[in-house]
């Protein structure tokens, strides 16, 4: 990246949108100045500029919730950054996976343009569960029990799919397939394999 291309504002800042490179969820919106951007590129972790404290801020330096930088892009106007990261924990100071946890729209009634958007939403939720491990969560329990327990669940759910298919029960087959797909996404999240990698394999095989 040629930093000279970046159009910093009158305060010497540029907004940086931070995105989880695996789940594609937007984690936070922060700001960088030229020094913090250079430091980010140097150490490979996000370093921002705190407008309230007026100093550099290495994300996770005290909490341990660092963000490993995988790529940085700038937009067509060269005045905004997209920083794709692998987070080591929650992005929000409240302990949430993403700072964007509040919703203004009604998610139950708004139409979905992308029929498969639910897969992205599930990946985001699962990444949040793995990062925060909330008490009482089924997925948190599985993450804590480890890959062997998750793999066992996948075997169990696959068996249920086979039984539903042999019973020639479309409704049961749809339900059991949903359970299997959920647990497949769970183990991909646990092993840090993005669904995009699986889709890439399918595309290569198809072509």
C-alpha atoms as a PDB file:
ATOM      1  CA  UNK A   1       0.000   0.000   0.000  1.00  0.00           C
ATOM      2  CA  UNK A   2       1.215   3.492  -0.883  1.00  0.00           C
ATOM      3  CA  UNK A   3       0.127   5.601   2.082  1.00  0.00           C
ATOM      4  CA  UNK A   4       0.580   8.722  -0.044  1.00  0.00           C
ATOM      5  CA  UNK A   5      -2.607   7.674  -1.871  1.00  0.00           C
ATOM      6  CA  UNK A   6      -4.727   7.987   1.279  1.00  0.00           C
ATOM      7  CA  UNK A   7      -6.742  11.199   1.632  1.00  0.00           C
ATOM      8  CA  UNK A   8      -6.646  12.062   5.340  1.00  0.00           C
ATOM      9  CA  UNK A   9      -9.201  14.643   6.534  1.00  0.00           C
ATOM     10  CA  UNK A  10      -8.471  18.068   8.011  1.00  0.00           C
ATOM     11  CA  UNK A  11      -7.671  16.432  11.365  1.00  0.00           C
ATOM     12  CA  UNK A  12      -5.247  14.042   9.682  1.00  0.00           C
ATOM     13  CA  UNK A  13      -7.603  11.055  10.135  1.00  0.00           C
ATOM     14  CA  UNK A  14      -9.179   8.415   7.910  1.00  0.00           C
ATOM     15  CA  UNK A  15     -12.104   6.138   8.944  1.00  0.00           C
ATOM     16  CA  UNK A  16     -11.203   2.449   9.140  1.00  0.00           C
ATOM     17  CA  UNK A  17     -13.971  -0.155   8.816  1.00  0.00           C
ATOM     18  CA  UNK A  18     -12.793  -3.361  10.509  1.00  0.00           C
ATOM     19  CA  UNK A  19     -14.219  -6.620   9.139  1.00  0.00           C
ATOM     20  CA  UNK A  20     -13.767 -10.219  10.270  1.00  0.00           C
ATOM     21  CA  UNK A  21     -12.105 -11.856   7.276  1.00  0.00           C
ATOM     22  CA  UNK A  22     -13.762 -15.208   8.063  1.00  0.00           C
ATOM     23  CA  UNK A  23     -17.358 -14.345   9.007  1.00  0.00           C
ATOM     24  CA  UNK A  24     -17.400 -11.090   6.963  1.00  0.00           C
ATOM     25  CA  UNK A  25     -19.083  -9.345   9.903  1.00  0.00           C
ATOM     26  CA  UNK A  26     -18.261  -5.671  10.414  1.00  0.00           C
ATOM     27  CA  UNK A  27     -16.609  -5.468  13.837  1.00  0.00           C
ATOM     28  CA  UNK A  28     -16.094  -1.766  14.416  1.00  0.00           C
ATOM     29  CA  UNK A  29     -15.505   1.657  12.898  1.00  0.00           C
ATOM     30  CA  UNK A  30     -12.380   3.401  14.141  1.00  0.00           C
ATOM     31  CA  UNK A  31      -9.968   6.035  12.889  1.00  0.00           C
ATOM     32  CA  UNK A  32      -6.333   5.998  11.850  1.00  0.00           C
ATOM     33  CA  UNK A  33      -3.807   8.735  11.245  1.00  0.00           C
ATOM     34  CA  UNK A  34      -0.693   8.309   9.163  1.00  0.00           C
ATOM     35  CA  UNK A  35       1.369   7.151  12.146  1.00  0.00           C
ATOM     36  CA  UNK A  36      -1.139   4.532  13.305  1.00  0.00           C
ATOM     37  CA  UNK A  37      -1.593   3.243   9.757  1.00  0.00           C
ATOM     38  CA  UNK A  38       2.167   2.845   9.381  1.00  0.00           C
ATOM     39  CA  UNK A  39       2.316   1.086  12.766  1.00  0.00           C
ATOM     40  CA  UNK A  40      -0.521  -1.236  11.723  1.00  0.00           C
ATOM     41  CA  UNK A  41       1.362  -2.210   8.583  1.00  0.00           C
ATOM     42  CA  UNK A  42       4.561  -2.661  10.589  1.00  0.00           C
ATOM     43  CA  UNK A  43       3.273  -4.976  13.352  1.00  0.00           C
ATOM     44  CA  UNK A  44       0.419  -6.669  11.469  1.00  0.00           C
ATOM     45  CA  UNK A  45      -2.204  -5.778  14.105  1.00  0.00           C
ATOM     46  CA  UNK A  46      -4.675  -2.901  14.195  1.00  0.00           C
ATOM     47  CA  UNK A  47      -3.450   0.336  15.698  1.00  0.00           C
ATOM     48  CA  UNK A  48      -5.936   3.209  15.752  1.00  0.00           C
ATOM     49  CA  UNK A  49      -5.941   6.856  16.743  1.00  0.00           C
ATOM     50  CA  UNK A  50      -8.169   7.682  19.719  1.00  0.00           C
ATOM     51  CA  UNK A  51      -9.914  10.970  19.080  1.00  0.00           C
ATOM     52  CA  UNK A  52     -10.974  11.288  22.730  1.00  0.00           C
ATOM     53  CA  UNK A  53      -7.519  10.588  24.186  1.00  0.00           C
ATOM     54  CA  UNK A  54      -5.649  12.011  21.196  1.00  0.00           C
ATOM     55  CA  UNK A  55      -3.119   9.191  21.144  1.00  0.00           C
ATOM     56  CA  UNK A  56      -2.372   5.952  19.342  1.00  0.00           C
ATOM     57  CA  UNK A  57      -4.355   2.925  20.452  1.00  0.00           C
ATOM     58  CA  UNK A  58      -3.103  -0.613  19.817  1.00  0.00           C
ATOM     59  CA  UNK A  59      -6.271  -2.724  19.844  1.00  0.00           C
ATOM     60  CA  UNK A  60      -6.017  -5.480  22.463  1.00  0.00           C
ATOM     61  CA  UNK A  61      -2.751  -4.252  23.975  1.00  0.00           C
ATOM     62  CA  UNK A  62      -4.241  -4.504  27.486  1.00  0.00           C
ATOM     63  CA  UNK A  63      -7.270  -6.788  26.940  1.00  0.00           C
ATOM     64  CA  UNK A  64      -5.560  -9.332  24.686  1.00  0.00           C
ATOM     65  CA  UNK A  65      -8.351  -8.920  22.109  1.00  0.00           C
ATOM     66  CA  UNK A  66      -5.977  -8.124  19.273  1.00  0.00           C
ATOM     67  CA  UNK A  67      -6.865  -8.071  15.586  1.00  0.00           C
ATOM     68  CA  UNK A  68      -4.445  -9.723  13.178  1.00  0.00           C
ATOM     69  CA  UNK A  69      -4.496  -7.804   9.917  1.00  0.00           C
ATOM     70  CA  UNK A  70      -4.924  -9.854   6.751  1.00  0.00           C
ATOM     71  CA  UNK A  71      -5.532  -7.058   4.249  1.00  0.00           C
ATOM     72  CA  UNK A  72      -6.175  -3.327   3.978  1.00  0.00           C
ATOM     73  CA  UNK A  73      -8.048  -1.785   1.063  1.00  0.00           C
ATOM     74  CA  UNK A  74      -9.005   1.818   0.400  1.00  0.00           C
ATOM     75  CA  UNK A  75     -12.115   2.985  -1.419  1.00  0.00           C
ATOM     76  CA  UNK A  76     -12.472   4.707  -4.789  1.00  0.00           C
ATOM     77  CA  UNK A  77     -12.266   8.174  -3.186  1.00  0.00           C
ATOM     78  CA  UNK A  78      -9.193   7.085  -1.210  1.00  0.00           C
ATOM     79  CA  UNK A  79     -10.693   8.483   1.995  1.00  0.00           C
ATOM     80  CA  UNK A  80     -11.818   5.322   3.804  1.00  0.00           C
ATOM     81  CA  UNK A  81     -10.134   2.031   4.701  1.00  0.00           C
ATOM     82  CA  UNK A  82     -11.451  -1.517   4.860  1.00  0.00           C
ATOM     83  CA  UNK A  83      -9.294  -3.532   7.272  1.00  0.00           C
ATOM     84  CA  UNK A  84      -9.872  -7.299   7.200  1.00  0.00           C
ATOM     85  CA  UNK A  85      -8.716  -9.039  10.359  1.00  0.00           C
ATOM     86  CA  UNK A  86      -8.697 -12.250  12.353  1.00  0.00           C
ATOM     87  CA  UNK A  87      -9.922 -11.178  15.814  1.00  0.00           C
ATOM     88  CA  UNK A  88      -8.487 -12.784  18.953  1.00  0.00           C
ATOM     89  CA  UNK A  89     -11.563 -11.828  20.973  1.00  0.00           C
ATOM     90  CA  UNK A  90     -14.469  -9.367  21.158  1.00  0.00           C
ATOM     91  CA  UNK A  91     -14.127  -6.141  19.222  1.00  0.00           C
ATOM     92  CA  UNK A  92     -16.447  -4.073  21.411  1.00  0.00           C
ATOM     93  CA  UNK A  93     -15.418  -2.631  24.786  1.00  0.00           C
ATOM     94  CA  UNK A  94     -18.705  -4.028  26.158  1.00  0.00           C
ATOM     95  CA  UNK A  95     -17.486  -7.552  25.435  1.00  0.00           C
ATOM     96  CA  UNK A  96     -19.589  -8.024  22.294  1.00  0.00           C
ATOM     97  CA  UNK A  97     -18.162  -9.716  19.219  1.00  0.00           C
ATOM     98  CA  UNK A  98     -19.048  -6.654  17.111  1.00  0.00           C
ATOM     99  CA  UNK A  99     -19.707  -3.028  18.023  1.00  0.00           C
ATOM    100  CA  UNK A 100     -22.718  -3.199  15.679  1.00  0.00           C
ATOM    101  CA  UNK A 101     -25.016  -5.249  17.907  1.00  0.00           C
ATOM    102  CA  UNK A 102     -28.001  -2.877  17.952  1.00  0.00           C
ATOM    103  CA  UNK A 103     -30.541  -2.889  15.103  1.00  0.00           C
ATOM    104  CA  UNK A 104     -32.931  -0.159  13.981  1.00  0.00           C
ATOM    105  CA  UNK A 105     -34.752  -2.211  11.343  1.00  0.00           C
ATOM    106  CA  UNK A 106     -37.140  -5.074  11.949  1.00  0.00           C
ATOM    107  CA  UNK A 107     -35.175  -8.155  10.926  1.00  0.00           C
ATOM    108  CA  UNK A 108     -38.295 -10.333  11.055  1.00  0.00           C
ATOM    109  CA  UNK A 109     -40.229  -8.350   8.466  1.00  0.00           C
ATOM    110  CA  UNK A 110     -37.627  -6.880   6.146  1.00  0.00           C
ATOM    111  CA  UNK A 111     -37.256  -8.887   2.917  1.00  0.00           C
ATOM    112  CA  UNK A 112     -34.033 -10.776   2.305  1.00  0.00           C
ATOM    113  CA  UNK A 113     -32.528 -10.060  -1.098  1.00  0.00           C
ATOM    114  CA  UNK A 114     -30.014 -12.864  -0.621  1.00  0.00           C
ATOM    115  CA  UNK A 115     -31.739 -16.193   0.096  1.00  0.00           C
ATOM    116  CA  UNK A 116     -28.504 -17.564   1.519  1.00  0.00           C
ATOM    117  CA  UNK A 117     -27.863 -14.609   3.827  1.00  0.00           C
ATOM    118  CA  UNK A 118     -28.751 -16.854   6.776  1.00  0.00           C
ATOM    119  CA  UNK A 119     -25.444 -18.694   6.283  1.00  0.00           C
ATOM    120  CA  UNK A 120     -23.501 -15.443   6.728  1.00  0.00           C
ATOM    121  CA  UNK A 121     -25.622 -14.581   9.762  1.00  0.00           C
ATOM    122  CA  UNK A 122     -24.971 -17.992  11.317  1.00  0.00           C
ATOM    123  CA  UNK A 123     -21.232 -17.631  10.751  1.00  0.00           C
ATOM    124  CA  UNK A 124     -21.342 -14.261  12.521  1.00  0.00           C
ATOM    125  CA  UNK A 125     -23.284 -15.665  15.481  1.00  0.00           C
ATOM    126  CA  UNK A 126     -20.985 -18.676  15.786  1.00  0.00           C
ATOM    127  CA  UNK A 127     -17.875 -16.497  15.607  1.00  0.00           C
ATOM    128  CA  UNK A 128     -19.374 -14.376  18.380  1.00  0.00           C
ATOM    129  CA  UNK A 129     -20.074 -17.446  20.527  1.00  0.00           C
ATOM    130  CA  UNK A 130     -16.526 -18.718  20.046  1.00  0.00           C
ATOM    131  CA  UNK A 131     -15.037 -15.324  20.907  1.00  0.00           C
ATOM    132  CA  UNK A 132     -17.177 -14.588  23.981  1.00  0.00           C
ATOM    133  CA  UNK A 133     -18.306 -18.069  25.199  1.00  0.00           C
ATOM    134  CA  UNK A 134     -21.484 -16.800  26.924  1.00  0.00           C
ATOM    135  CA  UNK A 135     -22.764 -18.970  29.770  1.00  0.00           C
ATOM    136  CA  UNK A 136     -25.778 -21.153  29.031  1.00  0.00           C
ATOM    137  CA  UNK A 137     -25.165 -21.210  25.293  1.00  0.00           C
ATOM    138  CA  UNK A 138     -25.359 -24.587  23.549  1.00  0.00           C
ATOM    139  CA  UNK A 139     -22.709 -23.597  21.034  1.00  0.00           C
ATOM    140  CA  UNK A 140     -20.422 -22.238  23.769  1.00  0.00           C
ATOM    141  CA  UNK A 141     -20.596 -25.615  25.485  1.00  0.00           C
ATOM    142  CA  UNK A 142     -19.647 -27.423  22.287  1.00  0.00           C
ATOM    143  CA  UNK A 143     -16.754 -25.026  21.626  1.00  0.00           C
ATOM    144  CA  UNK A 144     -15.477 -25.621  25.148  1.00  0.00           C
ATOM    145  CA  UNK A 145     -15.816 -29.413  24.867  1.00  0.00           C
ATOM    146  CA  UNK A 146     -13.712 -29.357  21.729  1.00  0.00           C
ATOM    147  CA  UNK A 147     -13.510 -30.762  18.229  1.00  0.00           C
ATOM    148  CA  UNK A 148     -14.149 -34.389  19.236  1.00  0.00           C
ATOM    149  CA  UNK A 149     -17.529 -33.513  20.746  1.00  0.00           C
ATOM    150  CA  UNK A 150     -18.510 -31.376  17.762  1.00  0.00           C
ATOM    151  CA  UNK A 151     -17.440 -34.125  15.351  1.00  0.00           C
ATOM    152  CA  UNK A 152     -19.560 -36.624  17.289  1.00  0.00           C
ATOM    153  CA  UNK A 153     -22.582 -34.339  16.933  1.00  0.00           C
ATOM    154  CA  UNK A 154     -22.009 -34.139  13.179  1.00  0.00           C
ATOM    155  CA  UNK A 155     -21.988 -37.933  13.023  1.00  0.00           C
ATOM    156  CA  UNK A 156     -25.227 -38.080  14.989  1.00  0.00           C
ATOM    157  CA  UNK A 157     -26.916 -35.470  12.793  1.00  0.00           C
ATOM    158  CA  UNK A 158     -25.737 -37.208   9.610  1.00  0.00           C
ATOM    159  CA  UNK A 159     -27.344 -40.390  10.859  1.00  0.00           C
ATOM    160  CA  UNK A 160     -30.607 -38.521  11.461  1.00  0.00           C
ATOM    161  CA  UNK A 161     -30.494 -37.202   7.886  1.00  0.00           C
ATOM    162  CA  UNK A 162     -30.071 -40.732   6.543  1.00  0.00           C
ATOM    163  CA  UNK A 163     -33.011 -42.003   8.616  1.00  0.00           C
ATOM    164  CA  UNK A 164     -35.245 -39.138   7.459  1.00  0.00           C
ATOM    165  CA  UNK A 165     -34.343 -39.829   3.826  1.00  0.00           C
ATOM    166  CA  UNK A 166     -35.081 -43.541   4.178  1.00  0.00           C
ATOM    167  CA  UNK A 167     -38.395 -42.693   5.882  1.00  0.00           C
ATOM    168  CA  UNK A 168     -39.292 -40.606   2.813  1.00  0.00           C
ATOM    169  CA  UNK A 169     -40.345 -37.740   5.095  1.00  0.00           C
ATOM    170  CA  UNK A 170     -39.605 -34.360   3.378  1.00  0.00           C
ATOM    171  CA  UNK A 171     -40.345 -32.256   6.474  1.00  0.00           C
ATOM    172  CA  UNK A 172     -38.173 -34.406   8.720  1.00  0.00           C
ATOM    173  CA  UNK A 173     -35.421 -34.436   6.096  1.00  0.00           C
ATOM    174  CA  UNK A 174     -35.427 -30.623   5.923  1.00  0.00           C
ATOM    175  CA  UNK A 175     -35.262 -30.322   9.721  1.00  0.00           C
ATOM    176  CA  UNK A 176     -32.460 -32.842  10.124  1.00  0.00           C
ATOM    177  CA  UNK A 177     -30.519 -31.336   7.208  1.00  0.00           C
ATOM    178  CA  UNK A 178     -30.715 -27.933   8.912  1.00  0.00           C
ATOM    179  CA  UNK A 179     -29.273 -29.481  12.089  1.00  0.00           C
ATOM    180  CA  UNK A 180     -26.455 -31.091  10.110  1.00  0.00           C
ATOM    181  CA  UNK A 181     -25.628 -27.859   8.267  1.00  0.00           C
ATOM    182  CA  UNK A 182     -25.603 -25.911  11.545  1.00  0.00           C
ATOM    183  CA  UNK A 183     -23.121 -28.299  13.137  1.00  0.00           C
ATOM    184  CA  UNK A 184     -20.998 -28.294   9.989  1.00  0.00           C
ATOM    185  CA  UNK A 185     -20.736 -24.489  10.240  1.00  0.00           C
ATOM    186  CA  UNK A 186     -19.926 -24.945  13.918  1.00  0.00           C
ATOM    187  CA  UNK A 187     -16.933 -27.180  13.266  1.00  0.00           C
ATOM    188  CA  UNK A 188     -15.717 -24.915  10.447  1.00  0.00           C
ATOM    189  CA  UNK A 189     -15.810 -21.987  12.881  1.00  0.00           C
ATOM    190  CA  UNK A 190     -14.029 -24.018  15.559  1.00  0.00           C
ATOM    191  CA  UNK A 191     -11.264 -25.021  13.134  1.00  0.00           C
ATOM    192  CA  UNK A 192     -11.117 -21.458  11.700  1.00  0.00           C
ATOM    193  CA  UNK A 193     -12.012 -22.568   8.180  1.00  0.00           C
ATOM    194  CA  UNK A 194     -14.272 -19.966   6.503  1.00  0.00           C
ATOM    195  CA  UNK A 195     -17.247 -21.243   4.530  1.00  0.00           C
ATOM    196  CA  UNK A 196     -15.820 -19.299   1.590  1.00  0.00           C
ATOM    197  CA  UNK A 197     -12.988 -21.842   1.417  1.00  0.00           C
ATOM    198  CA  UNK A 198     -15.540 -24.653   1.070  1.00  0.00           C
ATOM    199  CA  UNK A 199     -17.394 -22.727  -1.639  1.00  0.00           C
ATOM    200  CA  UNK A 200     -14.102 -22.136  -3.465  1.00  0.00           C
ATOM    201  CA  UNK A 201     -13.535 -25.916  -3.571  1.00  0.00           C
ATOM    202  CA  UNK A 202     -17.022 -26.467  -4.985  1.00  0.00           C
ATOM    203  CA  UNK A 203     -16.495 -23.784  -7.622  1.00  0.00           C
ATOM    204  CA  UNK A 204     -13.177 -25.304  -8.695  1.00  0.00           C
ATOM    205  CA  UNK A 205     -14.753 -28.766  -8.945  1.00  0.00           C
ATOM    206  CA  UNK A 206     -17.701 -27.424 -10.907  1.00  0.00           C
ATOM    207  CA  UNK A 207     -15.467 -25.641 -13.393  1.00  0.00           C
END
